[in-house]
Amino acid sequence: GLLLLYAVVFGVLIRSAMQAPDRMGSLLALGVASLLLFHTVVNISMTV
Protein backbone atom coordinates (compact mmCIF):
# COMPACT_ATOMS: atom_id res chain seq x y z
CA GLY A 1 0.00 0.00 0.00
CA LEU A 2 2.84 2.40 0.81
CA LEU A 3 4.60 1.61 -2.45
CA LEU A 4 1.33 2.21 -4.31
CA LEU A 5 0.98 5.66 -2.71
CA TYR A 6 4.54 6.51 -3.71
CA ALA A 7 3.87 5.26 -7.25
CA VAL A 8 0.81 7.51 -7.60
CA VAL A 9 2.76 10.56 -6.40
CA PHE A 10 5.68 9.77 -8.72
CA GLY A 11 3.23 9.30 -11.59
CA VAL A 12 1.80 12.77 -10.98
CA LEU A 13 5.31 14.27 -10.87
CA ILE A 14 6.43 12.61 -14.10
CA ARG A 15 3.21 13.58 -15.86
CA SER A 16 3.71 17.15 -14.64
CA ALA A 17 7.19 17.16 -16.17
CA MET A 18 5.84 15.85 -19.48
CA GLN A 19 3.02 18.42 -19.62
CA ALA A 20 5.07 21.43 -18.52
CA PRO A 21 4.70 24.46 -20.80
CA ASP A 22 8.47 24.86 -21.28
CA ARG A 23 11.85 23.26 -20.64
CA MET A 24 12.36 25.12 -17.36
CA GLY A 25 9.16 23.76 -15.87
CA SER A 26 9.84 20.28 -17.17
CA LEU A 27 13.34 20.18 -15.64
CA LEU A 28 12.10 21.49 -12.29
CA ALA A 29 9.39 18.82 -12.07
CA LEU A 30 11.78 16.12 -13.28
CA GLY A 31 14.38 17.18 -10.72
CA VAL A 32 11.92 16.93 -7.83
CA ALA A 33 10.66 13.57 -9.11
CA SER A 34 14.24 12.26 -9.42
CA LEU A 35 15.13 13.45 -5.92
CA LEU A 36 12.18 11.73 -4.26
CA LEU A 37 12.45 8.58 -6.38
CA PHE A 38 16.15 8.13 -5.59
CA HIS A 39 15.51 8.57 -1.87
CA THR A 40 12.60 6.13 -1.87
CA VAL A 41 14.31 3.38 -3.85
CA VAL A 42 17.62 3.58 -1.97
CA ASN A 43 16.03 3.88 1.48
CA ILE A 44 13.71 0.91 1.09
CA SER A 45 16.44 -1.11 -0.62
CA MET A 46 18.87 -0.58 2.26
CA THR A 47 16.30 -1.59 4.89
CA VAL A 48 15.71 -4.94 3.16
ModelCIF file with pLDDT and N, C-alpha, C, O atoms, coordinates in Angstrom:
data_MODEL
#
_entry.id   MODEL 
#
_entity.id                         1 
_entity.type                       polymer 
_entity.pdbx_number_of_molecules   1 
#
_entity_poly.entity_id                      1 
_entity_poly.type                           'polypeptide(L)' 
_entity_poly.nstd_linkage                   no 
_entity_poly.nstd_monomer                   no 
_entity_poly.pdbx_seq_one_letter_code       GLLLLYAVVFGVLIRSAMQAPDRMGSLLALGVASLLLFHTVVNISMTV 
_entity_poly.pdbx_seq_one_letter_code_can   GLLLLYAVVFGVLIRSAMQAPDRMGSLLALGVASLLLFHTVVNISMTV 
_entity_poly.pdbx_strand_id                 A 
#
loop_
_entity_poly_seq.entity_id 
_entity_poly_seq.num 
_entity_poly_seq.mon_id 
_entity_poly_seq.hetero 
1 1  GLY n 
1 2  LEU n 
1 3  LEU n 
1 4  LEU n 
1 5  LEU n 
1 6  TYR n 
1 7  ALA n 
1 8  VAL n 
1 9  VAL n 
1 10 PHE n 
1 11 GLY n 
1 12 VAL n 
1 13 LEU n 
1 14 ILE n 
1 15 ARG n 
1 16 SER n 
1 17 ALA n 
1 18 MET n 
1 19 GLN n 
1 20 ALA n 
1 21 PRO n 
1 22 ASP n 
1 23 ARG n 
1 24 MET n 
1 25 GLY n 
1 26 SER n 
1 27 LEU n 
1 28 LEU n 
1 29 ALA n 
1 30 LEU n 
1 31 GLY n 
1 32 VAL n 
1 33 ALA n 
1 34 SER n 
1 35 LEU n 
1 36 LEU n 
1 37 LEU n 
1 38 PHE n 
1 39 HIS n 
1 40 THR n 
1 41 VAL n 
1 42 VAL n 
1 43 ASN n 
1 44 ILE n 
1 45 SER n 
1 46 MET n 
1 47 THR n 
1 48 VAL n 
#
_struct_asym.id          A 
_struct_asym.entity_id   1 
#
loop_
_ma_qa_metric.id 
_ma_qa_metric.mode 
_ma_qa_metric.name 
_ma_qa_metric.software_group_id 
_ma_qa_metric.type 
1 global pLDDT . pLDDT 
2 local  pLDDT . pLDDT 
#
_ma_qa_metric_global.metric_id      1 
_ma_qa_metric_global.metric_value   95.42 
_ma_qa_metric_global.model_id       1 
_ma_qa_metric_global.ordinal_id     1 
#
loop_
_ma_qa_metric_local.label_asym_id 
_ma_qa_metric_local.label_comp_id 
_ma_qa_metric_local.label_seq_id 
_ma_qa_metric_local.metric_id 
_ma_qa_metric_local.metric_value 
_ma_qa_metric_local.model_id 
_ma_qa_metric_local.ordinal_id 
A GLY 1  2 96.00 1 1  
A LEU 2  2 96.00 1 2  
A LEU 3  2 97.00 1 3  
A LEU 4  2 97.00 1 4  
A LEU 5  2 97.00 1 5  
A TYR 6  2 97.00 1 6  
A ALA 7  2 97.00 1 7  
A VAL 8  2 97.00 1 8  
A VAL 9  2 97.00 1 9  
A PHE 10 2 96.00 1 10 
A GLY 11 2 96.00 1 11 
A VAL 12 2 96.00 1 12 
A LEU 13 2 97.00 1 13 
A ILE 14 2 96.00 1 14 
A ARG 15 2 95.00 1 15 
A SER 16 2 96.00 1 16 
A ALA 17 2 95.00 1 17 
A MET 18 2 94.00 1 18 
A GLN 19 2 94.00 1 19 
A ALA 20 2 94.00 1 20 
A PRO 21 2 93.00 1 21 
A ASP 22 2 93.00 1 22 
A ARG 23 2 94.00 1 23 
A MET 24 2 95.00 1 24 
A GLY 25 2 95.00 1 25 
A SER 26 2 96.00 1 26 
A LEU 27 2 96.00 1 27 
A LEU 28 2 97.00 1 28 
A ALA 29 2 97.00 1 29 
A LEU 30 2 96.00 1 30 
A GLY 31 2 96.00 1 31 
A VAL 32 2 97.00 1 32 
A ALA 33 2 97.00 1 33 
A SER 34 2 96.00 1 34 
A LEU 35 2 96.00 1 35 
A LEU 36 2 96.00 1 36 
A LEU 37 2 96.00 1 37 
A PHE 38 2 96.00 1 38 
A HIS 39 2 96.00 1 39 
A THR 40 2 96.00 1 40 
A VAL 41 2 96.00 1 41 
A VAL 42 2 94.00 1 42 
A ASN 43 2 94.00 1 43 
A ILE 44 2 95.00 1 44 
A SER 45 2 94.00 1 45 
A MET 46 2 91.00 1 46 
A THR 47 2 92.00 1 47 
A VAL 48 2 90.00 1 48 
#
loop_
_atom_site.group_PDB 
_atom_site.id 
_atom_site.type_symbol 
_atom_site.label_atom_id 
_atom_site.label_alt_id 
_atom_site.label_comp_id 
_atom_site.label_asym_id 
_atom_site.label_entity_id 
_atom_site.label_seq_id 
_atom_site.pdbx_PDB_ins_code 
_atom_site.Cartn_x 
_atom_site.Cartn_y 
_atom_site.Cartn_z 
_atom_site.occupancy 
_atom_site.B_iso_or_equiv 
_atom_site.pdbx_formal_charge 
_atom_site.auth_seq_id 
_atom_site.auth_comp_id 
_atom_site.auth_asym_id 
_atom_site.auth_atom_id 
_atom_site.pdbx_PDB_model_num 
ATOM 1   N N  . GLY A 1 1  ? 0.815  -1.207 0.000   1.00 96.00 ? 1  GLY A N  1 
ATOM 2   C CA . GLY A 1 1  ? 0.000  0.000  0.000   1.00 96.00 ? 1  GLY A CA 1 
ATOM 3   C C  . GLY A 1 1  ? 0.850  1.258  0.000   1.00 96.00 ? 1  GLY A C  1 
ATOM 4   O O  . GLY A 1 1  ? 0.538  2.225  -0.696  1.00 96.00 ? 1  GLY A O  1 
ATOM 5   N N  . LEU A 1 2  ? 1.932  1.248  0.785   1.00 96.00 ? 2  LEU A N  1 
ATOM 6   C CA . LEU A 1 2  ? 2.837  2.398  0.815   1.00 96.00 ? 2  LEU A CA 1 
ATOM 7   C C  . LEU A 1 2  ? 3.500  2.595  -0.542  1.00 96.00 ? 2  LEU A C  1 
ATOM 8   O O  . LEU A 1 2  ? 3.591  3.719  -1.036  1.00 96.00 ? 2  LEU A O  1 
ATOM 9   N N  . LEU A 1 3  ? 3.957  1.518  -1.136  1.00 97.00 ? 3  LEU A N  1 
ATOM 10  C CA . LEU A 1 3  ? 4.596  1.614  -2.450  1.00 97.00 ? 3  LEU A CA 1 
ATOM 11  C C  . LEU A 1 3  ? 3.612  2.129  -3.499  1.00 97.00 ? 3  LEU A C  1 
ATOM 12  O O  . LEU A 1 3  ? 3.997  2.870  -4.403  1.00 97.00 ? 3  LEU A O  1 
ATOM 13  N N  . LEU A 1 4  ? 2.348  1.736  -3.378  1.00 97.00 ? 4  LEU A N  1 
ATOM 14  C CA . LEU A 1 4  ? 1.331  2.213  -4.313  1.00 97.00 ? 4  LEU A CA 1 
ATOM 15  C C  . LEU A 1 4  ? 1.135  3.722  -4.168  1.00 97.00 ? 4  LEU A C  1 
ATOM 16  O O  . LEU A 1 4  ? 1.007  4.429  -5.167  1.00 97.00 ? 4  LEU A O  1 
ATOM 17  N N  . LEU A 1 5  ? 1.112  4.215  -2.931  1.00 97.00 ? 5  LEU A N  1 
ATOM 18  C CA . LEU A 1 5  ? 0.983  5.657  -2.711  1.00 97.00 ? 5  LEU A CA 1 
ATOM 19  C C  . LEU A 1 5  ? 2.162  6.408  -3.319  1.00 97.00 ? 5  LEU A C  1 
ATOM 20  O O  . LEU A 1 5  ? 1.983  7.434  -3.974  1.00 97.00 ? 5  LEU A O  1 
ATOM 21  N N  . TYR A 1 6  ? 3.358  5.893  -3.100  1.00 97.00 ? 6  TYR A N  1 
ATOM 22  C CA . TYR A 1 6  ? 4.538  6.515  -3.707  1.00 97.00 ? 6  TYR A CA 1 
ATOM 23  C C  . TYR A 1 6  ? 4.429  6.497  -5.237  1.00 97.00 ? 6  TYR A C  1 
ATOM 24  O O  . TYR A 1 6  ? 4.756  7.483  -5.898  1.00 97.00 ? 6  TYR A O  1 
ATOM 25  N N  . ALA A 1 7  ? 3.969  5.376  -5.790  1.00 97.00 ? 7  ALA A N  1 
ATOM 26  C CA . ALA A 1 7  ? 3.868  5.258  -7.247  1.00 97.00 ? 7  ALA A CA 1 
ATOM 27  C C  . ALA A 1 7  ? 2.900  6.281  -7.824  1.00 97.00 ? 7  ALA A C  1 
ATOM 28  O O  . ALA A 1 7  ? 3.156  6.849  -8.885  1.00 97.00 ? 7  ALA A O  1 
ATOM 29  N N  . VAL A 1 8  ? 1.788  6.518  -7.130  1.00 97.00 ? 8  VAL A N  1 
ATOM 30  C CA . VAL A 1 8  ? 0.813  7.512  -7.595  1.00 97.00 ? 8  VAL A CA 1 
ATOM 31  C C  . VAL A 1 8  ? 1.434  8.907  -7.582  1.00 97.00 ? 8  VAL A C  1 
ATOM 32  O O  . VAL A 1 8  ? 1.290  9.665  -8.542  1.00 97.00 ? 8  VAL A O  1 
ATOM 33  N N  . VAL A 1 9  ? 2.123  9.244  -6.491  1.00 97.00 ? 9  VAL A N  1 
ATOM 34  C CA . VAL A 1 9  ? 2.761  10.561 -6.396  1.00 97.00 ? 9  VAL A CA 1 
ATOM 35  C C  . VAL A 1 9  ? 3.821  10.721 -7.474  1.00 97.00 ? 9  VAL A C  1 
ATOM 36  O O  . VAL A 1 9  ? 3.896  11.770 -8.115  1.00 97.00 ? 9  VAL A O  1 
ATOM 37  N N  . PHE A 1 10 ? 4.645  9.689  -7.686  1.00 96.00 ? 10 PHE A N  1 
ATOM 38  C CA . PHE A 1 10 ? 5.676  9.773  -8.724  1.00 96.00 ? 10 PHE A CA 1 
ATOM 39  C C  . PHE A 1 10 ? 5.045  9.896  -10.109 1.00 96.00 ? 10 PHE A C  1 
ATOM 40  O O  . PHE A 1 10 ? 5.561  10.604 -10.974 1.00 96.00 ? 10 PHE A O  1 
ATOM 41  N N  . GLY A 1 11 ? 3.925  9.201  -10.310 1.00 96.00 ? 11 GLY A N  1 
ATOM 42  C CA . GLY A 1 11 ? 3.235  9.300  -11.592 1.00 96.00 ? 11 GLY A CA 1 
ATOM 43  C C  . GLY A 1 11 ? 2.763  10.716 -11.872 1.00 96.00 ? 11 GLY A C  1 
ATOM 44  O O  . GLY A 1 11 ? 2.866  11.204 -12.997 1.00 96.00 ? 11 GLY A O  1 
ATOM 45  N N  . VAL A 1 12 ? 2.242  11.373 -10.836 1.00 96.00 ? 12 VAL A N  1 
ATOM 46  C CA . VAL A 1 12 ? 1.802  12.768 -10.982 1.00 96.00 ? 12 VAL A CA 1 
ATOM 47  C C  . VAL A 1 12 ? 2.989  13.668 -11.308 1.00 96.00 ? 12 VAL A C  1 
ATOM 48  O O  . VAL A 1 12 ? 2.882  14.556 -12.153 1.00 96.00 ? 12 VAL A O  1 
ATOM 49  N N  . LEU A 1 13 ? 4.117  13.442 -10.641 1.00 97.00 ? 13 LEU A N  1 
ATOM 50  C CA . LEU A 1 13 ? 5.306  14.265 -10.874 1.00 97.00 ? 13 LEU A CA 1 
ATOM 51  C C  . LEU A 1 13 ? 5.842  14.096 -12.294 1.00 97.00 ? 13 LEU A C  1 
ATOM 52  O O  . LEU A 1 13 ? 6.168  15.078 -12.960 1.00 97.00 ? 13 LEU A O  1 
ATOM 53  N N  . ILE A 1 14 ? 5.930  12.856 -12.751 1.00 96.00 ? 14 ILE A N  1 
ATOM 54  C CA . ILE A 1 14 ? 6.433  12.608 -14.101 1.00 96.00 ? 14 ILE A CA 1 
ATOM 55  C C  . ILE A 1 14 ? 5.486  13.189 -15.150 1.00 96.00 ? 14 ILE A C  1 
ATOM 56  O O  . ILE A 1 14 ? 5.924  13.776 -16.139 1.00 96.00 ? 14 ILE A O  1 
ATOM 57  N N  . ARG A 1 15 ? 4.197  13.020 -14.922 1.00 95.00 ? 15 ARG A N  1 
ATOM 58  C CA . ARG A 1 15 ? 3.215  13.583 -15.861 1.00 95.00 ? 15 ARG A CA 1 
ATOM 59  C C  . ARG A 1 15 ? 3.308  15.113 -15.870 1.00 95.00 ? 15 ARG A C  1 
ATOM 60  O O  . ARG A 1 15 ? 3.160  15.742 -16.917 1.00 95.00 ? 15 ARG A O  1 
ATOM 61  N N  . SER A 1 16 ? 3.551  15.695 -14.713 1.00 96.00 ? 16 SER A N  1 
ATOM 62  C CA . SER A 1 16 ? 3.705  17.145 -14.639 1.00 96.00 ? 16 SER A CA 1 
ATOM 63  C C  . SER A 1 16 ? 4.910  17.606 -15.442 1.00 96.00 ? 16 SER A C  1 
ATOM 64  O O  . SER A 1 16 ? 4.862  18.644 -16.102 1.00 96.00 ? 16 SER A O  1 
ATOM 65  N N  . ALA A 1 17 ? 5.998  16.830 -15.386 1.00 95.00 ? 17 ALA A N  1 
ATOM 66  C CA . ALA A 1 17 ? 7.195  17.163 -16.168 1.00 95.00 ? 17 ALA A CA 1 
ATOM 67  C C  . ALA A 1 17 ? 6.916  17.064 -17.665 1.00 95.00 ? 17 ALA A C  1 
ATOM 68  O O  . ALA A 1 17 ? 7.394  17.887 -18.446 1.00 95.00 ? 17 ALA A O  1 
ATOM 69  N N  . MET A 1 18 ? 6.141  16.055 -18.062 1.00 94.00 ? 18 MET A N  1 
ATOM 70  C CA . MET A 1 18 ? 5.840  15.853 -19.477 1.00 94.00 ? 18 MET A CA 1 
ATOM 71  C C  . MET A 1 18 ? 4.901  16.923 -20.027 1.00 94.00 ? 18 MET A C  1 
ATOM 72  O O  . MET A 1 18 ? 4.975  17.269 -21.206 1.00 94.00 ? 18 MET A O  1 
ATOM 73  N N  . GLN A 1 19 ? 4.017  17.448 -19.176 1.00 94.00 ? 19 GLN A N  1 
ATOM 74  C CA . GLN A 1 19 ? 3.024  18.419 -19.625 1.00 94.00 ? 19 GLN A CA 1 
ATOM 75  C C  . GLN A 1 19 ? 3.422  19.861 -19.334 1.00 94.00 ? 19 GLN A C  1 
ATOM 76  O O  . GLN A 1 19 ? 2.632  20.776 -19.564 1.00 94.00 ? 19 GLN A O  1 
ATOM 77  N N  . ALA A 1 20 ? 4.630  20.076 -18.834 1.00 94.00 ? 20 ALA A N  1 
ATOM 78  C CA . ALA A 1 20 ? 5.069  21.433 -18.515 1.00 94.00 ? 20 ALA A CA 1 
ATOM 79  C C  . ALA A 1 20 ? 5.083  22.299 -19.768 1.00 94.00 ? 20 ALA A C  1 
ATOM 80  O O  . ALA A 1 20 ? 5.372  21.804 -20.857 1.00 94.00 ? 20 ALA A O  1 
ATOM 81  N N  . PRO A 1 21 ? 4.775  23.589 -19.629 1.00 93.00 ? 21 PRO A N  1 
ATOM 82  C CA . PRO A 1 21 ? 4.696  24.464 -20.803 1.00 93.00 ? 21 PRO A CA 1 
ATOM 83  C C  . PRO A 1 21 ? 6.042  24.797 -21.425 1.00 93.00 ? 21 PRO A C  1 
ATOM 84  O O  . PRO A 1 21 ? 6.086  25.264 -22.564 1.00 93.00 ? 21 PRO A O  1 
ATOM 85  N N  . ASP A 1 22 ? 7.153  24.569 -20.708 1.00 93.00 ? 22 ASP A N  1 
ATOM 86  C CA . ASP A 1 22 ? 8.466  24.864 -21.278 1.00 93.00 ? 22 ASP A CA 1 
ATOM 87  C C  . ASP A 1 22 ? 9.523  23.975 -20.624 1.00 93.00 ? 22 ASP A C  1 
ATOM 88  O O  . ASP A 1 22 ? 9.237  23.209 -19.704 1.00 93.00 ? 22 ASP A O  1 
ATOM 89  N N  . ARG A 1 23 ? 10.755 24.102 -21.127 1.00 94.00 ? 23 ARG A N  1 
ATOM 90  C CA . ARG A 1 23 ? 11.853 23.258 -20.639 1.00 94.00 ? 23 ARG A CA 1 
ATOM 91  C C  . ARG A 1 23 ? 12.161 23.522 -19.166 1.00 94.00 ? 23 ARG A C  1 
ATOM 92  O O  . ARG A 1 23 ? 12.468 22.592 -18.421 1.00 94.00 ? 23 ARG A O  1 
ATOM 93  N N  . MET A 1 24 ? 12.081 24.763 -18.750 1.00 95.00 ? 24 MET A N  1 
ATOM 94  C CA . MET A 1 24 ? 12.360 25.117 -17.362 1.00 95.00 ? 24 MET A CA 1 
ATOM 95  C C  . MET A 1 24 ? 11.418 24.375 -16.411 1.00 95.00 ? 24 MET A C  1 
ATOM 96  O O  . MET A 1 24 ? 11.857 23.762 -15.437 1.00 95.00 ? 24 MET A O  1 
ATOM 97  N N  . GLY A 1 25 ? 10.132 24.438 -16.705 1.00 95.00 ? 25 GLY A N  1 
ATOM 98  C CA . GLY A 1 25 ? 9.159  23.755 -15.871 1.00 95.00 ? 25 GLY A CA 1 
ATOM 99  C C  . GLY A 1 25 ? 9.338  22.254 -15.885 1.00 95.00 ? 25 GLY A C  1 
ATOM 100 O O  . GLY A 1 25 ? 9.200  21.593 -14.857 1.00 95.00 ? 25 GLY A O  1 
ATOM 101 N N  . SER A 1 26 ? 9.648  21.717 -17.055 1.00 96.00 ? 26 SER A N  1 
ATOM 102 C CA . SER A 1 26 ? 9.844  20.284 -17.170 1.00 96.00 ? 26 SER A CA 1 
ATOM 103 C C  . SER A 1 26 ? 11.039 19.814 -16.342 1.00 96.00 ? 26 SER A C  1 
ATOM 104 O O  . SER A 1 26 ? 10.965 18.785 -15.671 1.00 96.00 ? 26 SER A O  1 
ATOM 105 N N  . LEU A 1 27 ? 12.142 20.572 -16.388 1.00 96.00 ? 27 LEU A N  1 
ATOM 106 C CA . LEU A 1 27 ? 13.336 20.184 -15.641 1.00 96.00 ? 27 LEU A CA 1 
ATOM 107 C C  . LEU A 1 27 ? 13.124 20.321 -14.133 1.00 96.00 ? 27 LEU A C  1 
ATOM 108 O O  . LEU A 1 27 ? 13.625 19.505 -13.360 1.00 96.00 ? 27 LEU A O  1 
ATOM 109 N N  . LEU A 1 28 ? 12.389 21.343 -13.716 1.00 97.00 ? 28 LEU A N  1 
ATOM 110 C CA . LEU A 1 28 ? 12.095 21.487 -12.292 1.00 97.00 ? 28 LEU A CA 1 
ATOM 111 C C  . LEU A 1 28 ? 11.281 20.304 -11.767 1.00 97.00 ? 28 LEU A C  1 
ATOM 112 O O  . LEU A 1 28 ? 11.608 19.730 -10.728 1.00 97.00 ? 28 LEU A O  1 
ATOM 113 N N  . ALA A 1 29 ? 10.228 19.947 -12.488 1.00 97.00 ? 29 ALA A N  1 
ATOM 114 C CA . ALA A 1 29 ? 9.389  18.819 -12.069 1.00 97.00 ? 29 ALA A CA 1 
ATOM 115 C C  . ALA A 1 29 ? 10.163 17.508 -12.117 1.00 97.00 ? 29 ALA A C  1 
ATOM 116 O O  . ALA A 1 29 ? 10.027 16.665 -11.231 1.00 97.00 ? 29 ALA A O  1 
ATOM 117 N N  . LEU A 1 30 ? 10.979 17.342 -13.162 1.00 96.00 ? 30 LEU A N  1 
ATOM 118 C CA . LEU A 1 30 ? 11.776 16.122 -13.276 1.00 96.00 ? 30 LEU A CA 1 
ATOM 119 C C  . LEU A 1 30 ? 12.805 16.037 -12.154 1.00 96.00 ? 30 LEU A C  1 
ATOM 120 O O  . LEU A 1 30 ? 13.056 14.957 -11.619 1.00 96.00 ? 30 LEU A O  1 
ATOM 121 N N  . GLY A 1 31 ? 13.400 17.174 -11.796 1.00 96.00 ? 31 GLY A N  1 
ATOM 122 C CA . GLY A 1 31 ? 14.378 17.177 -10.720 1.00 96.00 ? 31 GLY A CA 1 
ATOM 123 C C  . GLY A 1 31 ? 13.764 16.768 -9.391  1.00 96.00 ? 31 GLY A C  1 
ATOM 124 O O  . GLY A 1 31 ? 14.352 15.972 -8.658  1.00 96.00 ? 31 GLY A O  1 
ATOM 125 N N  . VAL A 1 32 ? 12.592 17.298 -9.071  1.00 97.00 ? 32 VAL A N  1 
ATOM 126 C CA . VAL A 1 32 ? 11.916 16.928 -7.826  1.00 97.00 ? 32 VAL A CA 1 
ATOM 127 C C  . VAL A 1 32 ? 11.534 15.450 -7.852  1.00 97.00 ? 32 VAL A C  1 
ATOM 128 O O  . VAL A 1 32 ? 11.698 14.749 -6.854  1.00 97.00 ? 32 VAL A O  1 
ATOM 129 N N  . ALA A 1 33 ? 11.028 14.978 -8.986  1.00 97.00 ? 33 ALA A N  1 
ATOM 130 C CA . ALA A 1 33 ? 10.664 13.566 -9.106  1.00 97.00 ? 33 ALA A CA 1 
ATOM 131 C C  . ALA A 1 33 ? 11.886 12.665 -8.917  1.00 97.00 ? 33 ALA A C  1 
ATOM 132 O O  . ALA A 1 33 ? 11.810 11.643 -8.235  1.00 97.00 ? 33 ALA A O  1 
ATOM 133 N N  . SER A 1 34 ? 13.014 13.050 -9.525  1.00 96.00 ? 34 SER A N  1 
ATOM 134 C CA . SER A 1 34 ? 14.243 12.256 -9.419  1.00 96.00 ? 34 SER A CA 1 
ATOM 135 C C  . SER A 1 34 ? 14.755 12.227 -7.989  1.00 96.00 ? 34 SER A C  1 
ATOM 136 O O  . SER A 1 34 ? 15.205 11.188 -7.506  1.00 96.00 ? 34 SER A O  1 
ATOM 137 N N  . LEU A 1 35 ? 14.687 13.366 -7.314  1.00 96.00 ? 35 LEU A N  1 
ATOM 138 C CA . LEU A 1 35 ? 15.131 13.449 -5.925  1.00 96.00 ? 35 LEU A CA 1 
ATOM 139 C C  . LEU A 1 35 ? 14.342 12.496 -5.038  1.00 96.00 ? 35 LEU A C  1 
ATOM 140 O O  . LEU A 1 35 ? 14.924 11.715 -4.284  1.00 96.00 ? 35 LEU A O  1 
ATOM 141 N N  . LEU A 1 36 ? 13.023 12.560 -5.128  1.00 96.00 ? 36 LEU A N  1 
ATOM 142 C CA . LEU A 1 36 ? 12.180 11.735 -4.264  1.00 96.00 ? 36 LEU A CA 1 
ATOM 143 C C  . LEU A 1 36 ? 12.257 10.259 -4.646  1.00 96.00 ? 36 LEU A C  1 
ATOM 144 O O  . LEU A 1 36 ? 12.230 9.390  -3.775  1.00 96.00 ? 36 LEU A O  1 
ATOM 145 N N  . LEU A 1 37 ? 12.353 9.974  -5.942  1.00 96.00 ? 37 LEU A N  1 
ATOM 146 C CA . LEU A 1 37 ? 12.449 8.582  -6.382  1.00 96.00 ? 37 LEU A CA 1 
ATOM 147 C C  . LEU A 1 37 ? 13.741 7.943  -5.904  1.00 96.00 ? 37 LEU A C  1 
ATOM 148 O O  . LEU A 1 37 ? 13.732 6.810  -5.422  1.00 96.00 ? 37 LEU A O  1 
ATOM 149 N N  . PHE A 1 38 ? 14.860 8.661  -6.033  1.00 96.00 ? 38 PHE A N  1 
ATOM 150 C CA . PHE A 1 38 ? 16.151 8.130  -5.591  1.00 96.00 ? 38 PHE A CA 1 
ATOM 151 C C  . PHE A 1 38 ? 16.116 7.827  -4.099  1.00 96.00 ? 38 PHE A C  1 
ATOM 152 O O  . PHE A 1 38 ? 16.555 6.762  -3.664  1.00 96.00 ? 38 PHE A O  1 
ATOM 153 N N  . HIS A 1 39 ? 15.593 8.767  -3.320  1.00 96.00 ? 39 HIS A N  1 
ATOM 154 C CA . HIS A 1 39 ? 15.513 8.570  -1.872  1.00 96.00 ? 39 HIS A CA 1 
ATOM 155 C C  . HIS A 1 39 ? 14.662 7.353  -1.534  1.00 96.00 ? 39 HIS A C  1 
ATOM 156 O O  . HIS A 1 39 ? 15.042 6.538  -0.694  1.00 96.00 ? 39 HIS A O  1 
ATOM 157 N N  . THR A 1 40 ? 13.519 7.233  -2.183  1.00 96.00 ? 40 THR A N  1 
ATOM 158 C CA . THR A 1 40 ? 12.605 6.132  -1.866  1.00 96.00 ? 40 THR A CA 1 
ATOM 159 C C  . THR A 1 40 ? 13.211 4.781  -2.204  1.00 96.00 ? 40 THR A C  1 
ATOM 160 O O  . THR A 1 40 ? 13.190 3.864  -1.383  1.00 96.00 ? 40 THR A O  1 
ATOM 161 N N  . VAL A 1 41 ? 13.749 4.657  -3.404  1.00 96.00 ? 41 VAL A N  1 
ATOM 162 C CA . VAL A 1 41 ? 14.310 3.382  -3.847  1.00 96.00 ? 41 VAL A CA 1 
ATOM 163 C C  . VAL A 1 41 ? 15.501 2.976  -2.985  1.00 96.00 ? 41 VAL A C  1 
ATOM 164 O O  . VAL A 1 41 ? 15.587 1.828  -2.549  1.00 96.00 ? 41 VAL A O  1 
ATOM 165 N N  . VAL A 1 42 ? 16.418 3.907  -2.739  1.00 94.00 ? 42 VAL A N  1 
ATOM 166 C CA . VAL A 1 42 ? 17.621 3.579  -1.967  1.00 94.00 ? 42 VAL A CA 1 
ATOM 167 C C  . VAL A 1 42 ? 17.264 3.289  -0.512  1.00 94.00 ? 42 VAL A C  1 
ATOM 168 O O  . VAL A 1 42 ? 17.788 2.341  0.071   1.00 94.00 ? 42 VAL A O  1 
ATOM 169 N N  . ASN A 1 43 ? 16.383 4.086  0.081   1.00 94.00 ? 43 ASN A N  1 
ATOM 170 C CA . ASN A 1 43 ? 16.031 3.878  1.479   1.00 94.00 ? 43 ASN A CA 1 
ATOM 171 C C  . ASN A 1 43 ? 15.390 2.518  1.706   1.00 94.00 ? 43 ASN A C  1 
ATOM 172 O O  . ASN A 1 43 ? 15.808 1.770  2.590   1.00 94.00 ? 43 ASN A O  1 
ATOM 173 N N  . ILE A 1 44 ? 14.384 2.199  0.913   1.00 95.00 ? 44 ILE A N  1 
ATOM 174 C CA . ILE A 1 44 ? 13.710 0.914  1.092   1.00 95.00 ? 44 ILE A CA 1 
ATOM 175 C C  . ILE A 1 44 ? 14.651 -0.239 0.766   1.00 95.00 ? 44 ILE A C  1 
ATOM 176 O O  . ILE A 1 44 ? 14.618 -1.276 1.427   1.00 95.00 ? 44 ILE A O  1 
ATOM 177 N N  . SER A 1 45 ? 15.492 -0.060 -0.253  1.00 94.00 ? 45 SER A N  1 
ATOM 178 C CA . SER A 1 45 ? 16.443 -1.112 -0.615  1.00 94.00 ? 45 SER A CA 1 
ATOM 179 C C  . SER A 1 45 ? 17.427 -1.387 0.505   1.00 94.00 ? 45 SER A C  1 
ATOM 180 O O  . SER A 1 45 ? 17.777 -2.543 0.745   1.00 94.00 ? 45 SER A O  1 
ATOM 181 N N  . MET A 1 46 ? 17.885 -0.342 1.201   1.00 91.00 ? 46 MET A N  1 
ATOM 182 C CA . MET A 1 46 ? 18.873 -0.584 2.259   1.00 91.00 ? 46 MET A CA 1 
ATOM 183 C C  . MET A 1 46 ? 18.233 -1.202 3.496   1.00 91.00 ? 46 MET A C  1 
ATOM 184 O O  . MET A 1 46 ? 18.916 -1.893 4.252   1.00 91.00 ? 46 MET A O  1 
ATOM 185 N N  . THR A 1 47 ? 16.939 -0.973 3.724   1.00 92.00 ? 47 THR A N  1 
ATOM 186 C CA . THR A 1 47 ? 16.297 -1.589 4.888   1.00 92.00 ? 47 THR A CA 1 
ATOM 187 C C  . THR A 1 47 ? 16.043 -3.080 4.682   1.00 92.00 ? 47 THR A C  1 
ATOM 188 O O  . THR A 1 47 ? 15.936 -3.831 5.651   1.00 92.00 ? 47 THR A O  1 
ATOM 189 N N  . VAL A 1 48 ? 15.945 -3.510 3.426   1.00 90.00 ? 48 VAL A N  1 
ATOM 190 C CA . VAL A 1 48 ? 15.708 -4.940 3.159   1.00 90.00 ? 48 VAL A CA 1 
ATOM 191 C C  . VAL A 1 48 ? 16.982 -5.647 2.709   1.00 90.00 ? 48 VAL A C  1 
ATOM 192 O O  . VAL A 1 48 ? 16.960 -6.849 2.444   1.00 90.00 ? 48 VAL A O  1 
#
